[in-house]
N, C-alpha and C. Protein backbone atom coordinates (compact mmCIF):
# COMPACT_ATOMS: atom_id res chain seq x y z
N MET A 1 13.41 20.53 4.41
CA MET A 1 14.10 20.37 3.17
C MET A 1 14.87 21.65 2.85
N ALA A 2 14.25 22.79 3.08
CA ALA A 2 14.92 24.06 2.78
C ALA A 2 16.21 24.19 3.59
N PHE A 3 16.17 23.74 4.85
CA PHE A 3 17.37 23.80 5.69
C PHE A 3 18.50 22.97 5.07
N LEU A 4 18.17 21.78 4.62
CA LEU A 4 19.18 20.91 4.03
C LEU A 4 19.77 21.54 2.76
N LEU A 5 18.91 22.10 1.92
CA LEU A 5 19.40 22.74 0.71
C LEU A 5 20.32 23.92 1.05
N SER A 6 19.91 24.72 2.04
CA SER A 6 20.73 25.86 2.45
C SER A 6 22.06 25.38 3.01
N PHE A 7 22.03 24.32 3.81
CA PHE A 7 23.24 23.76 4.39
C PHE A 7 24.22 23.32 3.29
N LEU A 8 23.67 22.84 2.19
CA LEU A 8 24.50 22.40 1.07
C LEU A 8 24.93 23.56 0.18
N GLY A 9 24.54 24.77 0.56
CA GLY A 9 24.93 25.94 -0.21
C GLY A 9 24.05 26.20 -1.41
N LEU A 10 22.87 25.63 -1.42
CA LEU A 10 21.94 25.80 -2.53
C LEU A 10 20.80 26.73 -2.13
N ASP A 11 20.27 27.46 -3.08
CA ASP A 11 19.15 28.37 -2.83
C ASP A 11 17.86 27.57 -2.86
N PRO A 12 17.17 27.43 -1.72
CA PRO A 12 15.92 26.65 -1.69
C PRO A 12 14.84 27.23 -2.61
N GLY A 13 14.91 28.51 -2.89
CA GLY A 13 13.93 29.14 -3.76
C GLY A 13 14.00 28.65 -5.20
N ARG A 14 15.10 28.04 -5.58
CA ARG A 14 15.26 27.53 -6.94
C ARG A 14 14.61 26.16 -7.13
N PHE A 15 14.08 25.59 -6.05
CA PHE A 15 13.53 24.25 -6.12
C PHE A 15 12.03 24.27 -5.80
N SER A 16 11.33 23.39 -6.42
CA SER A 16 9.92 23.18 -6.11
C SER A 16 9.86 21.89 -5.29
N ILE A 17 9.50 22.03 -4.03
CA ILE A 17 9.48 20.87 -3.13
C ILE A 17 8.09 20.25 -3.18
N VAL A 18 8.05 18.97 -3.53
CA VAL A 18 6.78 18.25 -3.63
C VAL A 18 6.86 16.99 -2.78
N ARG A 19 5.71 16.54 -2.35
CA ARG A 19 5.67 15.27 -1.63
C ARG A 19 5.85 14.15 -2.64
N ALA A 20 6.68 13.22 -2.32
CA ALA A 20 6.91 12.08 -3.21
C ALA A 20 6.99 10.82 -2.38
N ASN A 21 6.90 9.72 -3.05
CA ASN A 21 6.99 8.43 -2.39
C ASN A 21 5.84 8.20 -1.42
N ASP A 22 4.70 8.84 -1.70
CA ASP A 22 3.49 8.58 -0.92
C ASP A 22 2.74 7.45 -1.60
N GLY A 23 2.53 6.39 -0.89
CA GLY A 23 1.80 5.26 -1.47
C GLY A 23 0.30 5.48 -1.42
N PRO A 24 -0.43 4.67 -2.14
CA PRO A 24 -1.89 4.78 -2.11
C PRO A 24 -2.45 4.37 -0.75
N SER A 25 -3.64 4.84 -0.47
CA SER A 25 -4.25 4.54 0.83
C SER A 25 -4.69 3.08 0.91
N ASN A 26 -4.83 2.60 2.13
CA ASN A 26 -5.28 1.23 2.37
C ASN A 26 -6.63 0.99 1.71
N ASP A 27 -7.57 1.93 1.88
CA ASP A 27 -8.89 1.76 1.28
C ASP A 27 -8.80 1.67 -0.24
N TRP A 28 -7.97 2.52 -0.86
CA TRP A 28 -7.86 2.49 -2.32
C TRP A 28 -7.28 1.16 -2.79
N VAL A 29 -6.22 0.69 -2.15
CA VAL A 29 -5.60 -0.57 -2.55
C VAL A 29 -6.60 -1.71 -2.43
N ARG A 30 -7.32 -1.74 -1.32
CA ARG A 30 -8.31 -2.81 -1.11
C ARG A 30 -9.41 -2.74 -2.16
N ALA A 31 -9.91 -1.54 -2.43
CA ALA A 31 -10.97 -1.38 -3.43
C ALA A 31 -10.48 -1.82 -4.81
N GLN A 32 -9.27 -1.42 -5.19
CA GLN A 32 -8.75 -1.81 -6.50
C GLN A 32 -8.53 -3.31 -6.58
N MET A 33 -8.11 -3.92 -5.49
CA MET A 33 -7.94 -5.38 -5.48
C MET A 33 -9.28 -6.08 -5.70
N LEU A 34 -10.34 -5.54 -5.12
CA LEU A 34 -11.67 -6.12 -5.32
C LEU A 34 -12.10 -5.99 -6.78
N VAL A 35 -11.87 -4.82 -7.37
CA VAL A 35 -12.19 -4.64 -8.78
C VAL A 35 -11.40 -5.62 -9.62
N ASN A 36 -10.10 -5.73 -9.34
CA ASN A 36 -9.25 -6.64 -10.11
C ASN A 36 -9.72 -8.09 -10.00
N ALA A 37 -10.24 -8.47 -8.84
CA ALA A 37 -10.75 -9.83 -8.66
C ALA A 37 -12.02 -10.04 -9.48
N MET A 38 -12.85 -9.01 -9.58
CA MET A 38 -14.10 -9.12 -10.33
C MET A 38 -13.88 -8.96 -11.84
N GLU A 39 -13.00 -8.04 -12.18
CA GLU A 39 -12.73 -7.71 -13.58
C GLU A 39 -11.23 -7.64 -13.80
N PRO A 40 -10.57 -8.75 -14.06
CA PRO A 40 -9.12 -8.72 -14.27
C PRO A 40 -8.75 -7.77 -15.41
N ARG A 41 -7.60 -7.16 -15.31
CA ARG A 41 -7.15 -6.21 -16.33
C ARG A 41 -6.92 -6.90 -17.67
N ILE A 42 -6.42 -8.11 -17.64
CA ILE A 42 -6.16 -8.88 -18.86
C ILE A 42 -7.05 -10.12 -18.84
N VAL A 43 -7.79 -10.34 -19.92
CA VAL A 43 -8.64 -11.52 -20.06
C VAL A 43 -8.39 -12.09 -21.45
N ASP A 44 -8.11 -13.37 -21.51
CA ASP A 44 -7.83 -14.03 -22.80
C ASP A 44 -6.78 -13.28 -23.61
N GLU A 45 -5.70 -12.89 -22.93
CA GLU A 45 -4.56 -12.22 -23.54
C GLU A 45 -4.92 -10.88 -24.19
N ALA A 46 -5.99 -10.25 -23.71
CA ALA A 46 -6.40 -8.93 -24.22
C ALA A 46 -6.83 -8.05 -23.05
N ILE A 47 -6.79 -6.75 -23.26
CA ILE A 47 -7.24 -5.80 -22.26
C ILE A 47 -8.74 -5.99 -22.03
N ASN A 48 -9.15 -6.09 -20.80
CA ASN A 48 -10.55 -6.25 -20.44
C ASN A 48 -11.24 -4.89 -20.47
N PRO A 49 -12.20 -4.68 -21.36
CA PRO A 49 -12.86 -3.37 -21.42
C PRO A 49 -13.73 -3.08 -20.20
N ALA A 50 -14.08 -4.10 -19.43
CA ALA A 50 -14.90 -3.90 -18.24
C ALA A 50 -14.07 -3.48 -17.02
N TRP A 51 -12.74 -3.62 -17.11
CA TRP A 51 -11.88 -3.23 -15.99
C TRP A 51 -11.92 -1.72 -15.83
N TYR A 52 -11.82 -1.26 -14.61
CA TYR A 52 -11.75 0.18 -14.36
C TYR A 52 -10.87 0.45 -13.16
N GLN A 53 -10.35 1.65 -13.11
CA GLN A 53 -9.53 2.05 -11.98
C GLN A 53 -10.39 2.79 -10.98
N VAL A 54 -10.28 2.40 -9.74
CA VAL A 54 -11.02 3.05 -8.66
C VAL A 54 -10.47 4.46 -8.48
N PRO A 55 -11.33 5.46 -8.32
CA PRO A 55 -10.83 6.82 -8.09
C PRO A 55 -9.98 6.88 -6.83
N PRO A 56 -8.95 7.72 -6.84
CA PRO A 56 -8.10 7.84 -5.64
C PRO A 56 -8.93 8.23 -4.42
N ARG A 57 -8.51 7.77 -3.28
CA ARG A 57 -9.17 8.15 -2.03
C ARG A 57 -8.11 8.33 -0.96
N ALA A 58 -8.34 9.32 -0.14
CA ALA A 58 -7.41 9.61 0.95
C ALA A 58 -7.60 8.58 2.06
N GLY A 59 -6.62 8.47 2.90
CA GLY A 59 -6.73 7.57 4.03
C GLY A 59 -5.38 7.12 4.50
N ALA A 60 -5.41 6.25 5.47
CA ALA A 60 -4.19 5.70 6.04
C ALA A 60 -3.46 4.88 5.00
N ARG A 61 -2.14 4.78 5.16
CA ARG A 61 -1.33 4.04 4.19
C ARG A 61 -1.69 2.56 4.20
N PHE A 62 -1.33 1.88 3.14
CA PHE A 62 -1.64 0.46 3.01
C PHE A 62 -0.90 -0.36 4.04
N LEU A 63 -1.63 -1.23 4.70
CA LEU A 63 -1.06 -2.19 5.64
C LEU A 63 -1.77 -3.52 5.44
N LEU A 64 -1.07 -4.59 5.71
CA LEU A 64 -1.70 -5.90 5.71
C LEU A 64 -2.61 -6.04 6.91
N THR A 65 -3.63 -6.90 6.80
CA THR A 65 -4.43 -7.24 7.97
C THR A 65 -3.65 -8.26 8.79
N ALA A 66 -4.09 -8.51 10.01
CA ALA A 66 -3.41 -9.49 10.87
C ALA A 66 -3.39 -10.86 10.21
N ALA A 67 -4.50 -11.25 9.58
CA ALA A 67 -4.56 -12.55 8.93
C ALA A 67 -3.59 -12.64 7.76
N GLU A 68 -3.48 -11.57 6.98
CA GLU A 68 -2.53 -11.56 5.86
C GLU A 68 -1.09 -11.61 6.36
N LEU A 69 -0.82 -10.88 7.42
CA LEU A 69 0.53 -10.84 7.97
C LEU A 69 0.94 -12.20 8.54
N ASP A 70 -0.01 -12.92 9.13
CA ASP A 70 0.30 -14.23 9.70
C ASP A 70 0.92 -15.17 8.68
N GLY A 71 0.48 -15.09 7.43
CA GLY A 71 1.02 -15.95 6.38
C GLY A 71 2.46 -15.61 6.00
N LEU A 72 2.91 -14.42 6.36
CA LEU A 72 4.26 -13.97 6.02
C LEU A 72 5.20 -13.90 7.22
N ARG A 73 4.66 -14.09 8.39
CA ARG A 73 5.43 -13.86 9.62
C ARG A 73 6.73 -14.66 9.66
N GLY A 74 6.72 -15.91 9.24
CA GLY A 74 7.92 -16.73 9.26
C GLY A 74 9.02 -16.15 8.38
N GLN A 75 8.66 -15.73 7.18
CA GLN A 75 9.64 -15.14 6.27
C GLN A 75 10.18 -13.82 6.83
N LEU A 76 9.31 -13.02 7.43
CA LEU A 76 9.75 -11.75 8.00
C LEU A 76 10.70 -11.97 9.17
N GLU A 77 10.48 -13.00 9.96
CA GLU A 77 11.38 -13.31 11.07
C GLU A 77 12.76 -13.70 10.55
N VAL A 78 12.80 -14.48 9.48
CA VAL A 78 14.08 -14.86 8.88
C VAL A 78 14.83 -13.61 8.44
N GLU A 79 14.13 -12.70 7.77
CA GLU A 79 14.76 -11.46 7.31
C GLU A 79 15.22 -10.60 8.48
N ASN A 80 14.39 -10.48 9.51
CA ASN A 80 14.76 -9.69 10.68
C ASN A 80 15.98 -10.27 11.38
N ASN A 81 16.04 -11.59 11.48
CA ASN A 81 17.20 -12.23 12.11
C ASN A 81 18.47 -11.96 11.31
N TYR A 82 18.37 -12.01 10.00
CA TYR A 82 19.51 -11.71 9.13
C TYR A 82 20.00 -10.28 9.38
N LEU A 83 19.07 -9.33 9.37
CA LEU A 83 19.43 -7.92 9.60
C LEU A 83 19.98 -7.70 11.00
N ARG A 84 19.38 -8.35 11.99
CA ARG A 84 19.83 -8.20 13.38
C ARG A 84 21.26 -8.68 13.55
N GLN A 85 21.59 -9.82 12.95
CA GLN A 85 22.94 -10.38 13.07
C GLN A 85 23.99 -9.50 12.39
N ARG A 86 23.63 -8.87 11.32
CA ARG A 86 24.61 -8.09 10.55
C ARG A 86 24.67 -6.62 10.93
N PHE A 87 23.53 -6.05 11.33
CA PHE A 87 23.49 -4.60 11.55
C PHE A 87 23.00 -4.18 12.92
N GLY A 88 22.51 -5.10 13.72
CA GLY A 88 22.01 -4.76 15.04
C GLY A 88 20.50 -4.58 15.07
N GLN A 89 19.98 -4.46 16.27
CA GLN A 89 18.53 -4.41 16.49
C GLN A 89 17.86 -3.21 15.82
N THR A 90 18.58 -2.10 15.66
CA THR A 90 17.93 -0.90 15.11
C THR A 90 17.52 -1.07 13.65
N PHE A 91 18.04 -2.07 12.96
CA PHE A 91 17.67 -2.30 11.56
C PHE A 91 16.56 -3.33 11.42
N CYS A 92 15.92 -3.70 12.52
CA CYS A 92 14.88 -4.73 12.50
C CYS A 92 13.52 -4.11 12.80
N ASP A 93 12.49 -4.79 12.34
CA ASP A 93 11.13 -4.39 12.68
C ASP A 93 10.86 -4.81 14.11
N ARG A 94 10.56 -3.84 14.94
CA ARG A 94 10.22 -4.18 16.33
C ARG A 94 8.76 -4.58 16.44
N MET A 95 7.95 -3.93 15.65
CA MET A 95 6.54 -4.32 15.60
C MET A 95 6.06 -4.15 14.16
N LEU A 96 5.09 -4.90 13.80
CA LEU A 96 4.55 -4.86 12.45
C LEU A 96 3.10 -4.39 12.54
N PRO A 97 2.85 -3.12 12.22
CA PRO A 97 1.48 -2.61 12.31
C PRO A 97 0.58 -3.29 11.28
N VAL A 98 -0.67 -3.42 11.61
CA VAL A 98 -1.65 -4.04 10.71
C VAL A 98 -2.86 -3.13 10.58
N SER A 99 -3.64 -3.36 9.53
CA SER A 99 -4.89 -2.61 9.36
C SER A 99 -6.03 -3.41 9.96
N ASP A 100 -7.11 -2.72 10.19
CA ASP A 100 -8.32 -3.38 10.67
C ASP A 100 -8.85 -4.31 9.59
N GLU A 101 -9.56 -5.34 10.01
CA GLU A 101 -10.24 -6.19 9.05
C GLU A 101 -11.32 -5.35 8.38
N LEU A 102 -11.59 -5.63 7.13
CA LEU A 102 -12.55 -4.84 6.38
C LEU A 102 -13.97 -5.34 6.59
N PRO A 103 -14.92 -4.43 6.73
CA PRO A 103 -16.31 -4.86 6.87
C PRO A 103 -16.82 -5.42 5.54
N HIS A 104 -17.82 -6.29 5.59
CA HIS A 104 -18.37 -6.90 4.38
C HIS A 104 -18.95 -5.85 3.43
N ARG A 105 -19.45 -4.75 3.96
CA ARG A 105 -20.03 -3.71 3.12
C ARG A 105 -18.97 -2.97 2.30
N PHE A 106 -17.71 -3.23 2.57
CA PHE A 106 -16.62 -2.52 1.89
C PHE A 106 -16.69 -2.70 0.38
N LEU A 107 -17.01 -3.90 -0.09
CA LEU A 107 -17.08 -4.17 -1.52
C LEU A 107 -18.05 -3.22 -2.20
N GLU A 108 -19.26 -3.13 -1.68
CA GLU A 108 -20.27 -2.28 -2.31
C GLU A 108 -19.91 -0.80 -2.18
N GLU A 109 -19.44 -0.39 -1.03
CA GLU A 109 -19.07 1.01 -0.83
C GLU A 109 -17.90 1.42 -1.71
N SER A 110 -16.99 0.51 -1.96
CA SER A 110 -15.77 0.84 -2.69
C SER A 110 -15.94 0.78 -4.20
N THR A 111 -16.79 -0.12 -4.67
CA THR A 111 -16.86 -0.36 -6.11
C THR A 111 -18.24 -0.08 -6.69
N GLY A 112 -19.23 0.11 -5.83
CA GLY A 112 -20.59 0.31 -6.33
C GLY A 112 -21.23 -0.99 -6.76
N ARG A 113 -20.63 -2.12 -6.45
CA ARG A 113 -21.17 -3.42 -6.84
C ARG A 113 -21.37 -4.26 -5.59
N THR A 114 -22.25 -5.22 -5.69
CA THR A 114 -22.48 -6.13 -4.57
C THR A 114 -21.73 -7.42 -4.82
N GLY A 115 -21.60 -8.24 -3.79
CA GLY A 115 -20.92 -9.51 -3.94
C GLY A 115 -21.58 -10.42 -4.97
N ALA A 116 -22.91 -10.26 -5.16
CA ALA A 116 -23.63 -11.09 -6.13
C ALA A 116 -23.20 -10.78 -7.55
N GLU A 117 -22.72 -9.57 -7.79
CA GLU A 117 -22.28 -9.18 -9.13
C GLU A 117 -20.86 -9.64 -9.42
N ALA A 118 -20.13 -10.02 -8.40
CA ALA A 118 -18.71 -10.37 -8.57
C ALA A 118 -18.57 -11.69 -9.29
């Protein structure tokens, strides 16, 4: 980033460079989705006092599982074909990475609750 700023004739020392556009981790998204399923944020048109936000956790970026991706594959192919026809192969997804399936113990480890409490 400093090189780019210098190239543009700007003093990099005048800027505070921070990481941005970092999405939440796969584990965090999955854990929050489980909480949301057990305790929706809105209940009967009011804020649910039992809802809570899962503390942030580091990890790999969010990805769909293979099973989740399978439900979207047809739509993604349509979009890729559109992009390929207009802009060439370099604007298309060559592969779609997926996350591992989650172990059953993930619910308890992520939220401190068991499936029986859900």
